[in-house]
Amino acid sequence: MKKMIIKQSAGYIKDFDLSEDTILDVVKINSDHLTKKILRIKSEKGTTYGIDFSNSDEELESGMVIYQDNDKLVVLETIPEDVIVIVPKDINDMGIIAHLLGNSHKPIEVEDGEIILQYDSVIVDILKNLKIDFAVEKRSLKRALRHANFAHAH
């Protein structure tokens, strides 16, 4: 069988009108893989695909349809993982949390008022000591966690 190389997505699953006849084939990946431009993946139905977004600004996201034909959609889905979720109470809380996470160089995602980062027992201990409210949850991340993109030297 010919190897299929995918150079761009077909959109997002939320934007498709699915019928009873639509065949969904899911590819489960770790959220760390969302940052990659070239990736070899295997779907739940056993098909191997190559992704090559090296000549594209497009970034992989959970819920992305990476292949579509007449009756089949191949969808990326991230594997649930333990994350720390922090919802700052006010601007002062936000400043303390931003300073802490910035100094620890942890990749984060900020979405809908939540700061999300991968589980780290050291960060959990620091948050407890500072009496900052947080939760540890198992979540499928939509996008890869990222570092702030500011070049600086210590």
N, C-alpha and C. Protein backbone atom coordinates (compact mmCIF):
# COMPACT_ATOMS: atom_id res chain seq x y z
N MET A 1 0.84 -1.18 0.00
CA MET A 1 0.00 0.00 0.00
C MET A 1 0.89 1.25 0.00
N LYS A 2 0.49 2.24 -0.75
CA LYS A 2 1.22 3.49 -0.85
C LYS A 2 1.11 4.28 0.46
N LYS A 3 2.23 4.84 0.90
CA LYS A 3 2.23 5.63 2.12
C LYS A 3 1.58 6.98 1.84
N MET A 4 0.66 7.38 2.72
CA MET A 4 -0.04 8.65 2.54
C MET A 4 0.64 9.73 3.37
N ILE A 5 1.07 10.80 2.69
CA ILE A 5 1.67 11.95 3.37
C ILE A 5 0.67 13.09 3.34
N ILE A 6 0.33 13.62 4.51
CA ILE A 6 -0.65 14.69 4.63
C ILE A 6 0.11 16.01 4.79
N LYS A 7 -0.19 16.96 3.91
CA LYS A 7 0.51 18.24 3.91
C LYS A 7 -0.32 19.39 4.49
N GLN A 8 -1.64 19.16 4.65
CA GLN A 8 -2.50 20.17 5.28
C GLN A 8 -3.75 19.49 5.81
N SER A 9 -4.39 20.15 6.76
CA SER A 9 -5.59 19.57 7.35
C SER A 9 -6.79 19.82 6.45
N ALA A 10 -7.87 19.11 6.78
CA ALA A 10 -9.14 19.31 6.07
C ALA A 10 -10.10 20.12 6.92
N GLY A 11 -9.62 20.65 8.05
CA GLY A 11 -10.46 21.45 8.93
C GLY A 11 -10.56 20.82 10.30
N TYR A 12 -11.67 21.09 10.97
CA TYR A 12 -11.88 20.59 12.33
C TYR A 12 -13.19 19.82 12.39
N ILE A 13 -13.20 18.77 13.19
CA ILE A 13 -14.35 17.88 13.27
C ILE A 13 -15.63 18.64 13.63
N LYS A 14 -15.52 19.69 14.45
CA LYS A 14 -16.70 20.46 14.87
C LYS A 14 -17.37 21.16 13.69
N ASP A 15 -16.64 21.33 12.59
CA ASP A 15 -17.17 22.03 11.42
C ASP A 15 -17.78 21.10 10.37
N PHE A 16 -17.76 19.80 10.61
CA PHE A 16 -18.29 18.84 9.65
C PHE A 16 -19.69 18.40 10.04
N ASP A 17 -20.53 18.22 9.03
CA ASP A 17 -21.85 17.62 9.25
C ASP A 17 -21.69 16.12 9.09
N LEU A 18 -21.74 15.41 10.20
CA LEU A 18 -21.53 13.97 10.18
C LEU A 18 -22.84 13.25 9.96
N SER A 19 -22.80 12.23 9.12
CA SER A 19 -23.98 11.40 8.89
C SER A 19 -23.74 10.04 9.54
N GLU A 20 -24.78 9.20 9.51
CA GLU A 20 -24.65 7.84 10.03
C GLU A 20 -23.59 7.06 9.27
N ASP A 21 -23.41 7.40 8.01
CA ASP A 21 -22.48 6.66 7.15
C ASP A 21 -21.03 7.13 7.28
N THR A 22 -20.81 8.24 7.99
CA THR A 22 -19.45 8.75 8.12
C THR A 22 -18.62 7.80 8.97
N ILE A 23 -17.48 7.43 8.44
CA ILE A 23 -16.54 6.58 9.16
C ILE A 23 -15.51 7.49 9.81
N LEU A 24 -15.42 7.43 11.14
CA LEU A 24 -14.41 8.20 11.86
C LEU A 24 -13.27 7.26 12.23
N ASP A 25 -12.07 7.66 11.89
CA ASP A 25 -10.87 6.93 12.28
C ASP A 25 -10.03 7.90 13.10
N VAL A 26 -9.83 7.57 14.36
CA VAL A 26 -9.16 8.48 15.28
C VAL A 26 -7.69 8.13 15.41
N VAL A 27 -6.87 9.17 15.47
CA VAL A 27 -5.44 9.01 15.75
C VAL A 27 -5.19 9.65 17.10
N LYS A 28 -4.78 8.84 18.07
CA LYS A 28 -4.51 9.36 19.42
C LYS A 28 -3.01 9.62 19.55
N ILE A 29 -2.70 10.87 19.98
CA ILE A 29 -1.31 11.26 20.15
C ILE A 29 -1.13 11.99 21.48
N ASN A 30 0.10 12.03 21.95
CA ASN A 30 0.43 12.82 23.13
C ASN A 30 0.41 14.30 22.75
N SER A 31 0.04 15.15 23.67
CA SER A 31 -0.02 16.59 23.37
C SER A 31 1.35 17.13 22.95
N ASP A 32 2.43 16.53 23.44
CA ASP A 32 3.78 16.96 23.04
C ASP A 32 3.98 16.86 21.53
N HIS A 33 3.30 15.91 20.89
CA HIS A 33 3.46 15.72 19.46
C HIS A 33 2.78 16.81 18.63
N LEU A 34 1.91 17.61 19.27
CA LEU A 34 1.23 18.68 18.55
C LEU A 34 2.21 19.76 18.07
N THR A 35 3.38 19.82 18.66
CA THR A 35 4.37 20.83 18.26
C THR A 35 5.18 20.40 17.04
N LYS A 36 5.07 19.15 16.66
CA LYS A 36 5.89 18.63 15.57
C LYS A 36 5.32 19.01 14.21
N LYS A 37 6.21 19.21 13.27
CA LYS A 37 5.82 19.51 11.88
C LYS A 37 5.85 18.26 11.01
N ILE A 38 6.65 17.29 11.41
CA ILE A 38 6.75 16.03 10.68
C ILE A 38 6.50 14.91 11.69
N LEU A 39 5.57 14.03 11.36
CA LEU A 39 5.12 13.03 12.32
C LEU A 39 4.61 11.80 11.58
N ARG A 40 4.92 10.64 12.09
CA ARG A 40 4.36 9.40 11.58
C ARG A 40 3.38 8.89 12.63
N ILE A 41 2.16 8.61 12.22
CA ILE A 41 1.11 8.24 13.15
C ILE A 41 0.34 7.03 12.64
N LYS A 42 -0.32 6.35 13.57
CA LYS A 42 -1.14 5.20 13.21
C LYS A 42 -2.52 5.39 13.80
N SER A 43 -3.55 5.19 12.98
CA SER A 43 -4.92 5.38 13.42
C SER A 43 -5.42 4.16 14.18
N GLU A 44 -6.55 4.32 14.86
CA GLU A 44 -7.15 3.21 15.60
C GLU A 44 -7.54 2.06 14.68
N LYS A 45 -7.81 2.36 13.41
CA LYS A 45 -8.17 1.32 12.45
C LYS A 45 -6.93 0.71 11.79
N GLY A 46 -5.74 1.15 12.21
CA GLY A 46 -4.51 0.52 11.77
C GLY A 46 -3.82 1.13 10.56
N THR A 47 -4.31 2.25 10.06
CA THR A 47 -3.69 2.90 8.90
C THR A 47 -2.58 3.83 9.38
N THR A 48 -1.43 3.76 8.70
CA THR A 48 -0.31 4.63 9.01
C THR A 48 -0.32 5.83 8.08
N TYR A 49 -0.15 7.01 8.67
CA TYR A 49 -0.11 8.26 7.91
C TYR A 49 1.17 8.99 8.25
N GLY A 50 1.63 9.77 7.31
CA GLY A 50 2.72 10.68 7.57
C GLY A 50 2.17 12.10 7.51
N ILE A 51 2.57 12.93 8.44
CA ILE A 51 2.18 14.34 8.41
C ILE A 51 3.45 15.13 8.14
N ASP A 52 3.36 16.02 7.16
CA ASP A 52 4.49 16.90 6.84
C ASP A 52 3.95 18.32 6.67
N PHE A 53 3.95 19.06 7.77
CA PHE A 53 3.52 20.46 7.76
C PHE A 53 4.73 21.39 7.74
N SER A 54 5.89 20.86 7.31
CA SER A 54 7.13 21.64 7.35
C SER A 54 7.09 22.87 6.45
N ASN A 55 6.26 22.86 5.43
CA ASN A 55 6.14 24.01 4.53
C ASN A 55 4.84 24.78 4.77
N SER A 56 4.33 24.69 5.99
CA SER A 56 3.04 25.30 6.32
C SER A 56 3.14 26.00 7.67
N ASP A 57 2.31 27.02 7.85
CA ASP A 57 2.19 27.67 9.16
C ASP A 57 1.19 26.94 10.04
N GLU A 58 0.51 25.97 9.47
CA GLU A 58 -0.52 25.23 10.20
C GLU A 58 0.10 24.42 11.34
N GLU A 59 -0.59 24.40 12.49
CA GLU A 59 -0.14 23.65 13.65
C GLU A 59 -1.17 22.58 13.98
N LEU A 60 -0.69 21.45 14.43
CA LEU A 60 -1.58 20.35 14.79
C LEU A 60 -2.38 20.71 16.04
N GLU A 61 -3.66 20.31 16.04
CA GLU A 61 -4.54 20.52 17.19
C GLU A 61 -5.45 19.31 17.34
N SER A 62 -5.83 19.03 18.58
CA SER A 62 -6.80 17.99 18.81
C SER A 62 -8.11 18.41 18.18
N GLY A 63 -8.77 17.47 17.51
CA GLY A 63 -10.02 17.78 16.80
C GLY A 63 -9.80 18.12 15.34
N MET A 64 -8.54 18.17 14.92
CA MET A 64 -8.21 18.47 13.52
C MET A 64 -8.48 17.24 12.65
N VAL A 65 -9.12 17.47 11.51
CA VAL A 65 -9.32 16.41 10.53
C VAL A 65 -8.10 16.44 9.60
N ILE A 66 -7.32 15.36 9.63
CA ILE A 66 -6.10 15.35 8.83
C ILE A 66 -6.30 14.67 7.48
N TYR A 67 -7.43 13.97 7.33
CA TYR A 67 -7.71 13.34 6.04
C TYR A 67 -9.22 13.20 5.90
N GLN A 68 -9.66 13.41 4.66
CA GLN A 68 -11.09 13.30 4.36
C GLN A 68 -11.23 12.71 2.98
N ASP A 69 -12.12 11.73 2.84
CA ASP A 69 -12.56 11.30 1.52
C ASP A 69 -14.08 11.22 1.57
N ASN A 70 -14.70 10.58 0.62
CA ASN A 70 -16.16 10.60 0.51
C ASN A 70 -16.91 10.21 1.78
N ASP A 71 -16.45 9.17 2.47
CA ASP A 71 -17.19 8.69 3.64
C ASP A 71 -16.33 8.51 4.88
N LYS A 72 -15.12 9.01 4.85
CA LYS A 72 -14.19 8.78 5.95
C LYS A 72 -13.50 10.07 6.38
N LEU A 73 -13.39 10.24 7.71
CA LEU A 73 -12.64 11.34 8.29
C LEU A 73 -11.61 10.75 9.25
N VAL A 74 -10.38 11.23 9.16
CA VAL A 74 -9.34 10.83 10.10
C VAL A 74 -9.09 12.04 11.00
N VAL A 75 -9.27 11.84 12.31
CA VAL A 75 -9.25 12.94 13.28
C VAL A 75 -8.16 12.73 14.32
N LEU A 76 -7.41 13.82 14.59
CA LEU A 76 -6.42 13.79 15.66
C LEU A 76 -7.11 14.00 17.00
N GLU A 77 -6.66 13.27 18.00
CA GLU A 77 -7.20 13.42 19.35
C GLU A 77 -6.05 13.23 20.32
N THR A 78 -5.92 14.14 21.28
CA THR A 78 -4.84 13.98 22.26
C THR A 78 -5.26 13.03 23.38
N ILE A 79 -4.28 12.31 23.86
CA ILE A 79 -4.48 11.37 24.97
C ILE A 79 -4.61 12.20 26.26
N PRO A 80 -5.63 11.92 27.08
CA PRO A 80 -5.77 12.67 28.33
C PRO A 80 -4.53 12.51 29.21
N GLU A 81 -4.16 13.61 29.89
CA GLU A 81 -3.00 13.59 30.77
C GLU A 81 -3.29 14.44 32.00
N ASP A 82 -2.51 14.22 33.04
CA ASP A 82 -2.66 15.01 34.26
C ASP A 82 -2.12 16.41 34.04
N VAL A 83 -2.92 17.40 34.38
CA VAL A 83 -2.52 18.80 34.27
C VAL A 83 -2.90 19.53 35.55
N ILE A 84 -2.21 20.63 35.78
CA ILE A 84 -2.55 21.54 36.87
C ILE A 84 -3.39 22.65 36.26
N VAL A 85 -4.52 22.95 36.87
CA VAL A 85 -5.40 24.01 36.39
C VAL A 85 -5.50 25.06 37.50
N ILE A 86 -5.15 26.29 37.14
CA ILE A 86 -5.19 27.39 38.10
C ILE A 86 -6.13 28.47 37.55
N VAL A 87 -7.04 28.92 38.39
CA VAL A 87 -7.92 30.03 38.03
C VAL A 87 -7.61 31.17 39.01
N PRO A 88 -6.85 32.18 38.57
CA PRO A 88 -6.52 33.28 39.48
C PRO A 88 -7.77 33.98 40.00
N LYS A 89 -7.74 34.34 41.29
CA LYS A 89 -8.89 35.02 41.92
C LYS A 89 -9.00 36.47 41.49
N ASP A 90 -7.84 37.12 41.31
CA ASP A 90 -7.83 38.54 40.97
C ASP A 90 -6.49 38.87 40.29
N ILE A 91 -6.27 40.13 39.99
CA ILE A 91 -5.07 40.55 39.28
C ILE A 91 -3.81 40.33 40.13
N ASN A 92 -3.92 40.47 41.45
CA ASN A 92 -2.77 40.22 42.33
C ASN A 92 -2.38 38.74 42.29
N ASP A 93 -3.37 37.87 42.36
CA ASP A 93 -3.15 36.43 42.27
C ASP A 93 -2.51 36.09 40.92
N MET A 94 -3.02 36.71 39.88
CA MET A 94 -2.49 36.48 38.54
C MET A 94 -1.01 36.87 38.46
N GLY A 95 -0.65 38.01 39.06
CA GLY A 95 0.73 38.45 39.04
C GLY A 95 1.66 37.47 39.73
N ILE A 96 1.25 36.98 40.88
CA ILE A 96 2.06 36.02 41.63
C ILE A 96 2.22 34.73 40.83
N ILE A 97 1.12 34.24 40.27
CA ILE A 97 1.16 33.00 39.49
C ILE A 97 2.03 33.17 38.24
N ALA A 98 1.86 34.28 37.54
CA ALA A 98 2.65 34.53 36.32
C ALA A 98 4.14 34.60 36.65
N HIS A 99 4.48 35.25 37.76
CA HIS A 99 5.88 35.34 38.18
C HIS A 99 6.44 33.96 38.50
N LEU A 100 5.69 33.18 39.25
CA LEU A 100 6.11 31.83 39.62
C LEU A 100 6.34 30.96 38.38
N LEU A 101 5.35 30.92 37.48
CA LEU A 101 5.44 30.05 36.31
C LEU A 101 6.49 30.55 35.32
N GLY A 102 6.62 31.86 35.20
CA GLY A 102 7.64 32.42 34.32
C GLY A 102 9.04 32.06 34.79
N ASN A 103 9.27 32.17 36.09
CA ASN A 103 10.58 31.83 36.64
C ASN A 103 10.87 30.34 36.57
N SER A 104 9.84 29.53 36.55
CA SER A 104 10.05 28.07 36.48
C SER A 104 10.16 27.58 35.04
N HIS A 105 9.92 28.48 34.07
CA HIS A 105 10.03 28.15 32.64
C HIS A 105 9.12 26.98 32.23
N LYS A 106 7.94 26.95 32.80
CA LYS A 106 6.98 25.90 32.47
C LYS A 106 6.13 26.31 31.27
N PRO A 107 5.95 25.41 30.30
CA PRO A 107 5.03 25.71 29.21
C PRO A 107 3.59 25.68 29.72
N ILE A 108 2.79 26.61 29.27
CA ILE A 108 1.41 26.73 29.74
C ILE A 108 0.48 26.99 28.56
N GLU A 109 -0.80 26.94 28.86
CA GLU A 109 -1.86 27.38 27.96
C GLU A 109 -2.81 28.19 28.82
N VAL A 110 -3.23 29.35 28.33
CA VAL A 110 -4.22 30.15 29.02
C VAL A 110 -5.47 30.14 28.16
N GLU A 111 -6.56 29.67 28.74
CA GLU A 111 -7.80 29.56 27.98
C GLU A 111 -8.99 29.74 28.92
N ASP A 112 -9.90 30.61 28.55
CA ASP A 112 -11.12 30.85 29.32
C ASP A 112 -10.84 31.13 30.80
N GLY A 113 -9.82 31.94 31.07
CA GLY A 113 -9.50 32.32 32.43
C GLY A 113 -8.73 31.28 33.23
N GLU A 114 -8.38 30.16 32.59
CA GLU A 114 -7.63 29.11 33.26
C GLU A 114 -6.18 29.10 32.78
N ILE A 115 -5.27 28.85 33.70
CA ILE A 115 -3.87 28.60 33.35
C ILE A 115 -3.68 27.09 33.48
N ILE A 116 -3.22 26.46 32.40
CA ILE A 116 -3.09 25.01 32.37
C ILE A 116 -1.63 24.66 32.12
N LEU A 117 -1.10 23.76 32.94
CA LEU A 117 0.27 23.28 32.73
C LEU A 117 0.35 21.81 33.08
N GLN A 118 1.37 21.13 32.54
CA GLN A 118 1.54 19.71 32.83
C GLN A 118 1.79 19.51 34.32
N TYR A 119 1.33 18.38 34.80
CA TYR A 119 1.49 18.06 36.22
C TYR A 119 2.97 18.04 36.58
N ASP A 120 3.30 18.68 37.69
CA ASP A 120 4.66 18.72 38.20
C ASP A 120 4.54 18.80 39.72
N SER A 121 5.04 17.79 40.43
CA SER A 121 4.88 17.74 41.88
C SER A 121 5.56 18.91 42.58
N VAL A 122 6.65 19.43 42.02
CA VAL A 122 7.33 20.58 42.62
C VAL A 122 6.43 21.81 42.55
N ILE A 123 5.80 22.03 41.40
CA ILE A 123 4.88 23.17 41.25
C ILE A 123 3.69 23.00 42.19
N VAL A 124 3.18 21.78 42.32
CA VAL A 124 2.07 21.53 43.24
C VAL A 124 2.46 21.93 44.66
N ASP A 125 3.66 21.52 45.09
CA ASP A 125 4.12 21.88 46.44
C ASP A 125 4.25 23.39 46.61
N ILE A 126 4.77 24.08 45.61
CA ILE A 126 4.92 25.54 45.68
C ILE A 126 3.55 26.21 45.75
N LEU A 127 2.61 25.76 44.92
CA LEU A 127 1.26 26.34 44.94
C LEU A 127 0.61 26.13 46.31
N LYS A 128 0.79 24.94 46.89
CA LYS A 128 0.23 24.68 48.23
C LYS A 128 0.86 25.62 49.26
N ASN A 129 2.19 25.76 49.21
CA ASN A 129 2.88 26.62 50.17
C ASN A 129 2.46 28.08 50.04
N LEU A 130 2.18 28.52 48.81
CA LEU A 130 1.75 29.90 48.59
C LEU A 130 0.24 30.07 48.77
N LYS A 131 -0.45 28.97 49.08
CA LYS A 131 -1.91 28.96 49.28
C LYS A 131 -2.65 29.46 48.04
N ILE A 132 -2.17 29.04 46.87
CA ILE A 132 -2.82 29.37 45.60
C ILE A 132 -3.73 28.21 45.25
N ASP A 133 -5.00 28.52 44.99
CA ASP A 133 -5.97 27.49 44.63
C ASP A 133 -5.63 26.91 43.26
N PHE A 134 -5.71 25.58 43.17
CA PHE A 134 -5.48 24.89 41.90
C PHE A 134 -6.19 23.54 41.96
N ALA A 135 -6.27 22.89 40.82
CA ALA A 135 -6.82 21.54 40.75
C ALA A 135 -5.92 20.71 39.85
N VAL A 136 -5.85 19.43 40.13
CA VAL A 136 -5.17 18.50 39.23
C VAL A 136 -6.27 17.72 38.53
N GLU A 137 -6.26 17.78 37.20
CA GLU A 137 -7.30 17.14 36.41
C GLU A 137 -6.67 16.35 35.27
N LYS A 138 -7.41 15.38 34.77
CA LYS A 138 -7.00 14.65 33.58
C LYS A 138 -7.75 15.28 32.41
N ARG A 139 -6.99 15.84 31.46
CA ARG A 139 -7.60 16.53 30.32
C ARG A 139 -6.91 16.14 29.02
N SER A 140 -7.70 16.20 27.95
CA SER A 140 -7.16 16.11 26.60
C SER A 140 -6.91 17.54 26.15
N LEU A 141 -5.66 17.88 25.93
CA LEU A 141 -5.33 19.24 25.54
C LEU A 141 -5.61 19.46 24.06
N LYS A 142 -6.18 20.59 23.74
CA LYS A 142 -6.48 20.91 22.34
C LYS A 142 -5.22 21.34 21.60
N ARG A 143 -4.40 22.14 22.28
CA ARG A 143 -3.16 22.64 21.69
C ARG A 143 -1.99 22.26 22.58
N ALA A 144 -0.81 22.32 22.01
CA ALA A 144 0.39 22.04 22.79
C ALA A 144 0.61 23.17 23.79
N LEU A 145 1.09 22.81 24.97
CA LEU A 145 1.48 23.82 25.94
C LEU A 145 2.72 24.53 25.41
N ARG A 146 2.82 25.83 25.67
CA ARG A 146 3.91 26.62 25.10
C ARG A 146 4.60 27.46 26.16
N HIS A 147 5.87 27.72 25.89
CA HIS A 147 6.63 28.69 26.68
C HIS A 147 6.31 30.08 26.14
N ALA A 148 6.46 31.09 26.98
CA ALA A 148 6.36 32.46 26.49
C ALA A 148 7.49 32.65 25.48
N ASN A 149 7.23 33.33 24.42
CA ASN A 149 8.21 33.45 23.33
C ASN A 149 9.01 34.73 23.44
N PHE A 150 9.57 34.98 24.60
CA PHE A 150 10.37 36.19 24.80
C PHE A 150 11.81 35.78 25.06
N ALA A 151 12.70 36.19 24.17
CA ALA A 151 14.11 35.86 24.36
C ALA A 151 14.66 36.73 25.48
N HIS A 152 15.35 36.08 26.41
CA HIS A 152 15.98 36.83 27.48
C HIS A 152 17.15 36.03 28.05
N ALA A 153 17.97 36.68 28.79
CA ALA A 153 19.10 36.01 29.43
C ALA A 153 19.01 36.23 30.94
N HIS A 154 19.48 35.27 31.69
CA HIS A 154 19.48 35.39 33.15
C HIS A 154 20.81 35.90 33.61
